[in-house]
PDB file of N, CA and C in Angstrom:
ATOM      1  N   MET A   1      92.229  58.532  71.426  1.00  0.00           N
ATOM      2  CA  MET A   1      91.730  59.552  72.321  1.00  0.00           C
ATOM      3  C   MET A   1      91.859  61.051  72.041  1.00  0.00           C
ATOM      4  N   LYS A   2      90.672  61.728  72.095  1.00  0.00           N
ATOM      5  CA  LYS A   2      90.805  63.274  71.701  1.00  0.00           C
ATOM      6  C   LYS A   2      91.106  63.966  72.731  1.00  0.00           C
ATOM      7  N   THR A   3      92.154  65.111  72.368  1.00  0.00           N
ATOM      8  CA  THR A   3      92.700  65.903  73.322  1.00  0.00           C
ATOM      9  C   THR A   3      91.523  67.128  73.446  1.00  0.00           C
ATOM     10  N   PRO A   4      91.649  67.670  74.770  1.00  0.00           N
ATOM     11  CA  PRO A   4      90.827  68.649  74.999  1.00  0.00           C
ATOM     12  C   PRO A   4      91.061  70.132  74.008  1.00  0.00           C
ATOM     13  N   ASN A   5      90.075  70.804  73.894  1.00  0.00           N
ATOM     14  CA  ASN A   5      90.298  72.183  72.915  1.00  0.00           C
ATOM     15  C   ASN A   5      90.597  73.107  73.992  1.00  0.00           C
ATOM     16  N   TYR A   6      91.762  73.276  74.059  1.00  0.00           N
ATOM     17  CA  TYR A   6      92.026  74.466  75.151  1.00  0.00           C
ATOM     18  C   TYR A   6      91.721  75.897  74.403  1.00  0.00           C
ATOM     19  N   GLN A   7      91.844  75.987  73.408  1.00  0.00           N
ATOM     20  CA  GLN A   7      91.472  77.487  72.633  1.00  0.00           C
ATOM     21  C   GLN A   7      90.029  77.621  73.276  1.00  0.00           C
ATOM     22  N   LYS A   8      89.129  76.786  73.033  1.00  0.00           N
ATOM     23  CA  LYS A   8      87.713  77.100  73.500  1.00  0.00           C
ATOM     24  C   LYS A   8      87.673  77.038  75.061  1.00  0.00           C
ATOM     25  N   ILE A   9      88.232  76.245  75.636  1.00  0.00           N
ATOM     26  CA  ILE A   9      88.326  76.141  77.240  1.00  0.00           C
ATOM     27  C   ILE A   9      88.742  77.407  77.569  1.00  0.00           C
ATOM     28  N   TYR A  10      90.095  78.150  77.228  1.00  0.00           N
ATOM     29  CA  TYR A  10      90.499  79.518  77.650  1.00  0.00           C
ATOM     30  C   TYR A  10      89.798  80.373  77.200  1.00  0.00           C
ATOM     31  N   GLN A  11      88.895  80.382  76.006  1.00  0.00           N
ATOM     32  CA  GLN A  11      88.112  81.354  75.613  1.00  0.00           C
ATOM     33  C   GLN A  11      86.964  81.728  76.616  1.00  0.00           C
ATOM     34  N   ASP A  12      86.304  80.649  76.882  1.00  0.00           N
ATOM     35  CA  ASP A  12      85.062  80.386  77.930  1.00  0.00           C
ATOM     36  C   ASP A  12      85.823  81.129  79.307  1.00  0.00           C
ATOM     37  N   LEU A  13      86.710  80.549  79.789  1.00  0.00           N
ATOM     38  CA  LEU A  13      87.381  81.056  80.937  1.00  0.00           C
ATOM     39  C   LEU A  13      87.558  82.658  80.852  1.00  0.00           C
ATOM     40  N   LEU A  14      88.207  83.052  79.839  1.00  0.00           N
ATOM     41  CA  LEU A  14      88.455  84.518  79.815  1.00  0.00           C
ATOM     42  C   LEU A  14      87.160  85.335  80.000  1.00  0.00           C
ATOM     43  N   LYS A  15      86.254  84.879  79.227  1.00  0.00           N
ATOM     44  CA  LYS A  15      84.779  85.495  79.021  1.00  0.00           C
ATOM     45  C   LYS A  15      84.286  85.617  80.675  1.00  0.00           C
ATOM     46  N   PHE A  16      84.373  84.208  81.514  1.00  0.00           N
ATOM     47  CA  PHE A  16      83.628  84.126  82.479  1.00  0.00           C
ATOM     48  C   PHE A  16      84.449  85.129  83.523  1.00  0.00           C
ATOM     49  N   LYS A  17      85.464  85.457  83.172  1.00  0.00           N
ATOM     50  CA  LYS A  17      86.424  86.310  84.292  1.00  0.00           C
ATOM     51  C   LYS A  17      86.369  87.844  83.703  1.00  0.00           C
ATOM     52  N   GLY A  18      85.848  87.953  82.679  1.00  0.00           N
ATOM     53  CA  GLY A  18      85.861  89.344  82.316  1.00  0.00           C
ATOM     54  C   GLY A  18      86.993  89.979  81.472  1.00  0.00           C
ATOM     55  N   LEU A  19      87.759  88.998  81.153  1.00  0.00           N
ATOM     56  CA  LEU A  19      89.257  89.312  80.756  1.00  0.00           C
ATOM     57  C   LEU A  19      89.516  88.970  79.010  1.00  0.00           C
ATOM     58  N   ASP A  20      88.111  88.871  78.396  1.00  0.00           N
ATOM     59  CA  ASP A  20      88.195  88.382  77.037  1.00  0.00           C
ATOM     60  C   ASP A  20      88.521  89.672  75.897  1.00  0.00           C
ATOM     61  N   LYS A  21      88.125  90.993  76.588  1.00  0.00           N
ATOM     62  CA  LYS A  21      88.466  91.992  75.544  1.00  0.00           C
ATOM     63  C   LYS A  21      90.078  92.484  75.865  1.00  0.00           C
ATOM     64  N   GLU A  22      90.649  91.906  76.952  1.00  0.00           N
ATOM     65  CA  GLU A  22      91.936  92.518  77.120  1.00  0.00           C
ATOM     66  C   GLU A  22      93.075  91.501  76.828  1.00  0.00           C
ATOM     67  N   ILE A  23      92.608  90.246  76.919  1.00  0.00           N
ATOM     68  CA  ILE A  23      93.824  89.035  76.367  1.00  0.00           C
ATOM     69  C   ILE A  23      93.464  88.465  75.248  1.00  0.00           C
ATOM     70  N   THR A  24      94.322  88.173  74.377  1.00  0.00           N
ATOM     71  CA  THR A  24      94.211  87.496  73.278  1.00  0.00           C
ATOM     72  C   THR A  24      94.839  86.127  73.361  1.00  0.00           C
ATOM     73  N   ILE A  25      93.944  85.035  73.059  1.00  0.00           N
ATOM     74  CA  ILE A  25      94.533  83.811  73.223  1.00  0.00           C
ATOM     75  C   ILE A  25      95.605  83.286  72.246  1.00  0.00           C
ATOM     76  N   PRO A  26      96.807  83.060  72.513  1.00  0.00           N
ATOM     77  CA  PRO A  26      97.908  82.654  71.642  1.00  0.00           C
ATOM     78  C   PRO A  26      97.717  81.053  71.387  1.00  0.00           C
ATOM     79  N   LYS A  27      98.213  80.583  70.309  1.00  0.00           N
ATOM     80  CA  LYS A  27      98.165  79.143  69.913  1.00  0.00           C
ATOM     81  C   LYS A  27      98.648  78.370  70.993  1.00  0.00           C
ATOM     82  N   LEU A  28      97.803  77.367  71.651  1.00  0.00           N
ATOM     83  CA  LEU A  28      98.271  76.560  72.792  1.00  0.00           C
ATOM     84  C   LEU A  28      98.472  75.341  72.264  1.00  0.00           C
ATOM     85  N   GLU A  29      99.807  74.900  72.233  1.00  0.00           N
ATOM     86  CA  GLU A  29     100.066  73.742  71.639  1.00  0.00           C
ATOM     87  C   GLU A  29     100.780  72.610  72.895  1.00  0.00           C
ATOM     88  N   LYS A  30     101.591  73.276  73.352  1.00  0.00           N
ATOM     89  CA  LYS A  30     102.525  72.472  74.696  1.00  0.00           C
ATOM     90  C   LYS A  30     101.910  72.525  75.943  1.00  0.00           C
ATOM     91  N   SER A  31     102.081  71.670  76.864  1.00  0.00           N
ATOM     92  CA  SER A  31     101.667  72.089  78.488  1.00  0.00           C
ATOM     93  C   SER A  31     102.259  73.364  78.724  1.00  0.00           C
ATOM     94  N   ILE A  32     103.792  73.951  78.322  1.00  0.00           N
ATOM     95  CA  ILE A  32     104.208  75.037  78.900  1.00  0.00           C
ATOM     96  C   ILE A  32     103.571  76.161  78.326  1.00  0.00           C
ATOM     97  N   ASP A  33     102.960  76.134  77.374  1.00  0.00           N
ATOM     98  CA  ASP A  33     102.103  77.376  76.690  1.00  0.00           C
ATOM     99  C   ASP A  33     101.021  77.543  77.652  1.00  0.00           C
ATOM    100  N   ILE A  34     100.389  76.237  78.089  1.00  0.00           N
ATOM    101  CA  ILE A  34      99.139  76.429  78.847  1.00  0.00           C
ATOM    102  C   ILE A  34      99.630  77.218  80.248  1.00  0.00           C
ATOM    103  N   ILE A  35     100.685  76.532  80.980  1.00  0.00           N
ATOM    104  CA  ILE A  35     101.100  77.127  81.975  1.00  0.00           C
ATOM    105  C   ILE A  35     101.688  78.603  82.102  1.00  0.00           C
ATOM    106  N   ARG A  36     102.097  79.234  80.762  1.00  0.00           N
ATOM    107  CA  ARG A  36     102.425  80.436  80.727  1.00  0.00           C
ATOM    108  C   ARG A  36     100.967  81.245  80.711  1.00  0.00           C
ATOM    109  N   PHE A  37      99.955  80.696  79.802  1.00  0.00           N
ATOM    110  CA  PHE A  37      98.803  81.604  79.664  1.00  0.00           C
ATOM    111  C   PHE A  37      98.216  81.667  80.742  1.00  0.00           C
ATOM    112  N   ASN A  38      98.157  80.703  81.866  1.00  0.00           N
ATOM    113  CA  ASN A  38      97.691  80.590  83.248  1.00  0.00           C
ATOM    114  C   ASN A  38      98.139  81.575  84.159  1.00  0.00           C
ATOM    115  N   ASP A  39      99.415  81.807  83.871  1.00  0.00           N
ATOM    116  CA  ASP A  39     100.179  82.924  84.577  1.00  0.00           C
ATOM    117  C   ASP A  39      99.806  84.201  84.356  1.00  0.00           C
ATOM    118  N   LEU A  40      99.346  84.505  82.977  1.00  0.00           N
ATOM    119  CA  LEU A  40      99.302  85.536  82.433  1.00  0.00           C
ATOM    120  C   LEU A  40      97.707  86.042  82.805  1.00  0.00           C
ATOM    121  N   ILE A  41      96.945  85.338  82.812  1.00  0.00           N
ATOM    122  CA  ILE A  41      95.516  85.413  83.381  1.00  0.00           C
ATOM    123  C   ILE A  41      95.476  85.787  85.123  1.00  0.00           C
ATOM    124  N   SER A  42      96.295  84.920  85.759  1.00  0.00           N
ATOM    125  CA  SER A  42      96.170  85.510  87.050  1.00  0.00           C
ATOM    126  C   SER A  42      96.742  86.632  87.344  1.00  0.00           C
ATOM    127  N   LYS A  43      97.870  86.981  86.612  1.00  0.00           N
ATOM    128  CA  LYS A  43      98.434  88.454  86.858  1.00  0.00           C
ATOM    129  C   LYS A  43      97.462  89.599  86.446  1.00  0.00           C
ATOM    130  N   ARG A  44      96.784  89.344  85.424  1.00  0.00           N
ATOM    131  CA  ARG A  44      95.621  90.403  84.791  1.00  0.00           C
ATOM    132  C   ARG A  44      94.827  90.495  85.963  1.00  0.00           C
ATOM    133  N   GLN A  45      94.248  89.324  86.425  1.00  0.00           N
ATOM    134  CA  GLN A  45      93.387  89.557  87.641  1.00  0.00           C
ATOM    135  C   GLN A  45      93.779  90.277  88.722  1.00  0.00           C
ATOM    136  N   LYS A  46      94.842  89.883  89.067  1.00  0.00           N
ATOM    137  CA  LYS A  46      95.600  90.752  90.441  1.00  0.00           C
ATOM    138  C   LYS A  46      95.619  92.156  89.987  1.00  0.00           C
ATOM    139  N   GLU A  47      95.990  92.627  88.837  1.00  0.00           N
ATOM    140  CA  GLU A  47      96.056  93.820  88.380  1.00  0.00           C
ATOM    141  C   GLU A  47      94.713  94.456  88.626  1.00  0.00           C
ATOM    142  N   LYS A  48      93.826  93.792  88.000  1.00  0.00           N
ATOM    143  CA  LYS A  48      92.684  94.366  87.958  1.00  0.00           C
ATOM    144  C   LYS A  48      91.955  94.603  89.537  1.00  0.00           C
ATOM    145  N   ARG A  49      92.363  93.534  90.500  1.00  0.00           N
ATOM    146  CA  ARG A  49      91.670  93.771  91.761  1.00  0.00           C
ATOM    147  C   ARG A  49      92.451  94.780  92.565  1.00  0.00           C
ATOM    148  N   SER A  50      93.683  94.981  92.125  1.00  0.00           N
ATOM    149  CA  SER A  50      94.494  95.815  93.022  1.00  0.00           C
ATOM    150  C   SER A  50      94.322  97.396  92.509  1.00  0.00           C
ATOM    151  N   GLU A  51      93.571  97.455  91.836  1.00  0.00           N
ATOM    152  CA  GLU A  51      93.501  99.075  91.211  1.00  0.00           C
ATOM    153  C   GLU A  51      93.036  99.654  92.390  1.00  0.00           C
ATOM    154  N   ILE A  52      92.024  99.143  93.109  1.00  0.00           N
ATOM    155  CA  ILE A  52      91.564  99.866  94.605  1.00  0.00           C
ATOM    156  C   ILE A  52      92.139  99.044  95.468  1.00  0.00           C
ATOM    157  N   THR A  53      93.205  99.680  96.079  1.00  0.00           N
ATOM    158  CA  THR A  53      93.957  98.863  97.432  1.00  0.00           C
ATOM    159  C   THR A  53      93.314  99.429  98.870  1.00  0.00           C
ATOM    160  N   GLN A  54      93.751  98.905  99.936  1.00  0.00           N
ATOM    161  CA  GLN A  54      93.685  99.492 100.884  1.00  0.00           C
ATOM    162  C   GLN A  54      94.051 100.745 101.279  1.00  0.00           C
ATOM    163  N   HIS A  55      95.503 100.848 100.772  1.00  0.00           N
ATOM    164  CA  HIS A  55      96.092 102.260 101.041  1.00  0.00           C
ATOM    165  C   HIS A  55      95.618 103.379 100.385  1.00  0.00           C
ATOM    166  N   ALA A  56      94.740 103.064  99.267  1.00  0.00           N
ATOM    167  CA  ALA A  56      94.003 104.344  98.457  1.00  0.00           C
ATOM    168  C   ALA A  56      92.704 104.419  99.320  1.00  0.00           C
ATOM    169  N   LYS A  57      92.205 103.909 100.118  1.00  0.00           N
ATOM    170  CA  LYS A  57      90.968 104.086 100.725  1.00  0.00           C
ATOM    171  C   LYS A  57      91.371 105.132 101.978  1.00  0.00           C
ATOM    172  N   SER A  58      90.242 106.008 102.063  1.00  0.00           N
ATOM    173  CA  SER A  58      90.613 106.837 103.409  1.00  0.00           C
ATOM    174  C   SER A  58      89.064 107.237 103.860  1.00  0.00           C
ATOM    175  N   TYR A  59      89.022 107.328 104.981  1.00  0.00           N
ATOM    176  CA  TYR A  59      87.742 107.508 105.747  1.00  0.00           C
ATOM    177  C   TYR A  59      87.755 108.874 106.689  1.00  0.00           C
ATOM    178  N   ASP A  60      86.480 109.588 106.439  1.00  0.00           N
ATOM    179  CA  ASP A  60      86.188 110.785 107.134  1.00  0.00           C
ATOM    180  C   ASP A  60      85.728 110.137 108.695  1.00  0.00           C
ATOM    181  N   GLU A  61      85.557 111.191 109.461  1.00  0.00           N
ATOM    182  CA  GLU A  61      84.812 110.656 110.613  1.00  0.00           C
ATOM    183  C   GLU A  61      83.554 110.197 110.600  1.00  0.00           C
ATOM    184  N   GLU A  62      82.868 110.740 109.857  1.00  0.00           N
ATOM    185  CA  GLU A  62      81.486 110.533 109.626  1.00  0.00           C
ATOM    186  C   GLU A  62      81.351 109.260 108.949  1.00  0.00           C
ATOM    187  N   SER A  63      81.988 108.612 108.094  1.00  0.00           N
ATOM    188  CA  SER A  63      82.023 107.432 107.474  1.00  0.00           C
ATOM    189  C   SER A  63      82.535 106.487 108.723  1.00  0.00           C
ATOM    190  N   ILE A  64      83.388 106.861 109.633  1.00  0.00           N
ATOM    191  CA  ILE A  64      84.096 105.834 110.261  1.00  0.00           C
ATOM    192  C   ILE A  64      82.669 105.656 111.574  1.00  0.00           C
ATOM    193  N   LEU A  65      82.143 106.628 112.050  1.00  0.00           N
ATOM    194  CA  LEU A  65      81.320 106.441 113.062  1.00  0.00           C
ATOM    195  C   LEU A  65      79.979 105.838 112.346  1.00  0.00           C
ATOM    196  N   MET A  66      79.647 105.798 111.083  1.00  0.00           N
ATOM    197  CA  MET A  66      78.549 104.988 110.522  1.00  0.00           C
ATOM    198  C   MET A  66      78.626 103.499 110.759  1.00  0.00           C
ATOM    199  N   LEU A  67      80.332 103.359 110.347  1.00  0.00           N
ATOM    200  CA  LEU A  67      80.674 101.926 109.903  1.00  0.00           C
ATOM    201  C   LEU A  67      80.414 101.299 111.550  1.00  0.00           C
ATOM    202  N   LEU A  68      80.922 102.090 112.703  1.00  0.00           N
ATOM    203  CA  LEU A  68      80.955 101.604 114.020  1.00  0.00           C
ATOM    204  C   LEU A  68      79.600 101.341 114.357  1.00  0.00           C
ATOM    205  N   ARG A  69      78.635 102.345 114.224  1.00  0.00           N
ATOM    206  CA  ARG A  69      77.171 102.101 114.523  1.00  0.00           C
ATOM    207  C   ARG A  69      76.853 101.013 113.781  1.00  0.00           C
ATOM    208  N   TYR A  70      76.968 100.865 112.660  1.00  0.00           N
ATOM    209  CA  TYR A  70      76.464  99.567 111.725  1.00  0.00           C
ATOM    210  C   TYR A  70      77.021  98.408 112.510  1.00  0.00           C
ATOM    211  N   GLN A  71      78.176  98.476 113.242  1.00  0.00           N
ATOM    212  CA  GLN A  71      78.578  97.213 113.881  1.00  0.00           C
ATOM    213  C   GLN A  71      78.001  97.217 115.058  1.00  0.00           C
ATOM    214  N   LYS A  72      77.497  98.071 115.849  1.00  0.00           N
ATOM    215  CA  LYS A  72      77.171  97.846 116.999  1.00  0.00           C
ATOM    216  C   LYS A  72      75.443  97.478 116.865  1.00  0.00           C
ATOM    217  N   LYS A  73      74.836  97.874 115.783  1.00  0.00           N
ATOM    218  CA  LYS A  73      73.378  97.696 115.418  1.00  0.00           C
ATOM    219  C   LYS A  73      73.200  96.317 115.064  1.00  0.00           C
ATOM    220  N   ASN A  74      74.217  95.821 114.342  1.00  0.00           N
ATOM    221  CA  ASN A  74      74.099  94.304 113.790  1.00  0.00           C
ATOM    222  C   ASN A  74      75.018  93.513 114.612  1.00  0.00           C
ATOM    223  N   ASN A  75      75.521  93.772 115.753  1.00  0.00           N
ATOM    224  CA  ASN A  75      76.072  93.018 116.910  1.00  0.00           C
ATOM    225  C   ASN A  75      77.179  92.129 116.387  1.00  0.00           C
ATOM    226  N   LEU A  76      78.051  93.191 115.437  1.00  0.00           N
ATOM    227  CA  LEU A  76      79.262  92.260 114.654  1.00  0.00           C
ATOM    228  C   LEU A  76      80.528  92.309 115.783  1.00  0.00           C
ATOM    229  N   ASN A  77      81.481  91.494 115.324  1.00  0.00           N
ATOM    230  CA  ASN A  77      82.919  91.820 115.946  1.00  0.00           C
ATOM    231  C   ASN A  77      83.626  92.404 115.008  1.00  0.00           C
ATOM    232  N   ASN A  78      84.930  92.770 115.314  1.00  0.00           N
ATOM    233  CA  ASN A  78      85.755  93.752 114.777  1.00  0.00           C
ATOM    234  C   ASN A  78      86.092  92.773 113.358  1.00  0.00           C
ATOM    235  N   THR A  79      86.218  91.714 113.322  1.00  0.00           N
ATOM    236  CA  THR A  79      86.671  90.771 112.367  1.00  0.00           C
ATOM    237  C   THR A  79      85.461  90.612 111.241  1.00  0.00           C
ATOM    238  N   GLN A  80      84.241  90.683 111.723  1.00  0.00           N
ATOM    239  CA  GLN A  80      83.131  90.483 110.678  1.00  0.00           C
ATOM    240  C   GLN A  80      82.827  91.506 110.219  1.00  0.00           C
ATOM    241  N   LEU A  81      83.019  92.945 110.813  1.00  0.00           N
ATOM    242  CA  LEU A  81      82.758  94.279 110.217  1.00  0.00           C
ATOM    243  C   LEU A  81      83.907  94.504 109.158  1.00  0.00           C
ATOM    244  N   ALA A  82      85.152  94.046 109.554  1.00  0.00           N
ATOM    245  CA  ALA A  82      86.262  94.247 108.569  1.00  0.00           C
ATOM    246  C   ALA A  82      86.099  93.173 107.275  1.00  0.00           C
ATOM    247  N   ASN A  83      85.748  92.013 107.384  1.00  0.00           N
ATOM    248  CA  ASN A  83      85.420  91.260 106.269  1.00  0.00           C
ATOM    249  C   ASN A  83      84.183  91.823 105.308  1.00  0.00           C
ATOM    250  N   GLU A  84      83.108  92.408 106.131  1.00  0.00           N
ATOM    251  CA  GLU A  84      82.145  92.934 105.075  1.00  0.00           C
ATOM    252  C   GLU A  84      82.439  94.033 104.467  1.00  0.00           C
ATOM    253  N   PHE A  85      83.333  94.766 105.155  1.00  0.00           N
ATOM    254  CA  PHE A  85      83.604  96.266 104.271  1.00  0.00           C
ATOM    255  C   PHE A  85      84.999  96.151 103.895  1.00  0.00           C
ATOM    256  N   ARG A  86      85.824  95.058 103.845  1.00  0.00           N
ATOM    257  CA  ARG A  86      87.038  94.852 103.296  1.00  0.00           C
ATOM    258  C   ARG A  86      88.161  95.875 104.011  1.00  0.00           C
ATOM    259  N   LEU A  87      87.779  95.901 105.272  1.00  0.00           N
ATOM    260  CA  LEU A  87      88.768  96.699 105.872  1.00  0.00           C
ATOM    261  C   LEU A  87      89.931  95.814 106.887  1.00  0.00           C
ATOM    262  N   SER A  88      90.676  96.555 107.241  1.00  0.00           N
ATOM    263  CA  SER A  88      91.751  95.757 108.405  1.00  0.00           C
ATOM    264  C   SER A  88      91.075  95.844 109.648  1.00  0.00           C
ATOM    265  N   ARG A  89      91.237  94.527 110.324  1.00  0.00           N
ATOM    266  CA  ARG A  89      90.843  94.698 111.733  1.00  0.00           C
ATOM    267  C   ARG A  89      91.366  95.727 112.472  1.00  0.00           C
ATOM    268  N   ASN A  90      92.804  95.854 112.467  1.00  0.00           N
ATOM    269  CA  ASN A  90      93.377  96.834 113.068  1.00  0.00           C
ATOM    270  C   ASN A  90      93.076  98.134 113.163  1.00  0.00           C
ATOM    271  N   SER A  91      92.446  98.606 111.707  1.00  0.00           N
ATOM    272  CA  SER A  91      91.807  99.921 111.459  1.00  0.00           C
ATOM    273  C   SER A  91      90.537 100.117 112.469  1.00  0.00           C
ATOM    274  N   VAL A  92      89.590  98.948 112.349  1.00  0.00           N
ATOM    275  CA  VAL A  92      88.353  98.941 113.275  1.00  0.00           C
ATOM    276  C   VAL A  92      88.642  99.206 114.613  1.00  0.00           C
ATOM    277  N   SER A  93      89.644  98.154 115.057  1.00  0.00           N
ATOM    278  CA  SER A  93      90.041  98.402 116.718  1.00  0.00           C
ATOM    279  C   SER A  93      90.514  99.852 116.674  1.00  0.00           C
ATOM    280  N   LYS A  94      91.471 100.484 116.042  1.00  0.00           N
ATOM    281  CA  LYS A  94      91.955 101.681 116.281  1.00  0.00           C
ATOM    282  C   LYS A  94      90.604 102.833 116.291  1.00  0.00           C
ATOM    283  N   TRP A  95      89.810 102.521 115.291  1.00  0.00           N
ATOM    284  CA  TRP A  95      88.612 103.730 115.205  1.00  0.00           C
ATOM    285  C   TRP A  95      87.888 103.356 116.426  1.00  0.00           C
ATOM    286  N   LYS A  96      87.744 101.991 116.941  1.00  0.00           N
ATOM    287  CA  LYS A  96      86.809 102.058 118.545  1.00  0.00           C
ATOM    288  C   LYS A  96      87.755 102.745 119.322  1.00  0.00           C
ATOM    289  N   LYS A  97      88.707 102.796 119.383  1.00  0.00           N
ATOM    290  CA  LYS A  97      89.647 103.367 120.708  1.00  0.00           C
ATOM    291  C   LYS A  97      89.397 105.115 120.589  1.00  0.00           C
ATOM    292  N   ILE A  98      89.548 105.413 119.280  1.00  0.00           N
ATOM    293  CA  ILE A  98      89.479 106.822 119.080  1.00  0.00           C
ATOM    294  C   ILE A  98      88.247 107.315 119.357  1.00  0.00           C
ATOM    295  N   TYR A  99      87.200 106.674 118.576  1.00  0.00           N
ATOM    296  CA  TYR A  99      85.715 107.184 118.702  1.00  0.00           C
ATOM    297  C   TYR A  99      84.896 106.707 119.817  1.00  0.00           C
ATOM    298  N   GLN A 100      85.228 106.022 120.748  1.00  0.00           N
ATOM    299  CA  GLN A 100      84.582 105.078 121.798  1.00  0.00           C
ATOM    300  C   GLN A 100      83.416 106.089 122.422  1.00  0.00           C
ATOM    301  N   TYR A 101      83.637 107.162 122.376  1.00  0.00           N
ATOM    302  CA  TYR A 101      82.714 108.060 123.160  1.00  0.00           C
ATOM    303  C   TYR A 101      81.571 108.724 122.415  1.00  0.00           C
ATOM    304  N   LYS A 102      81.807 108.608 120.738  1.00  0.00           N
ATOM    305  CA  LYS A 102      80.846 109.157 120.035  1.00  0.00           C
ATOM    306  C   LYS A 102      79.934 108.211 119.417  1.00  0.00           C
ATOM    307  N   ILE A 103      80.066 106.945 119.463  1.00  0.00           N
ATOM    308  CA  ILE A 103      79.252 105.795 118.841  1.00  0.00           C
ATOM    309  C   ILE A 103      77.806 106.087 119.476  1.00  0.00           C
TER     310      ILE A 103
END
């Protein structure tokens, strides 16, 4: 029985995830090597995603009002708006309380 070519599999995986220029594939001989390499890939992906975090985002009054008008126009609830724009539901709720008379 032929064993899988893990080098090729992971090379394709890295290319698909856009990490092929950042990570070089070590020689994968044992299953522990494969597990460690999986951990490395997932850590890099988390680092890439966390470059822009919610804490780094800030919205001015004009942007908030635009989002709330979009919500009203498209008949979205707070959760739907939050999911669409990657916001916190609590932020949307807070904004609605603060800007309820300006929408």
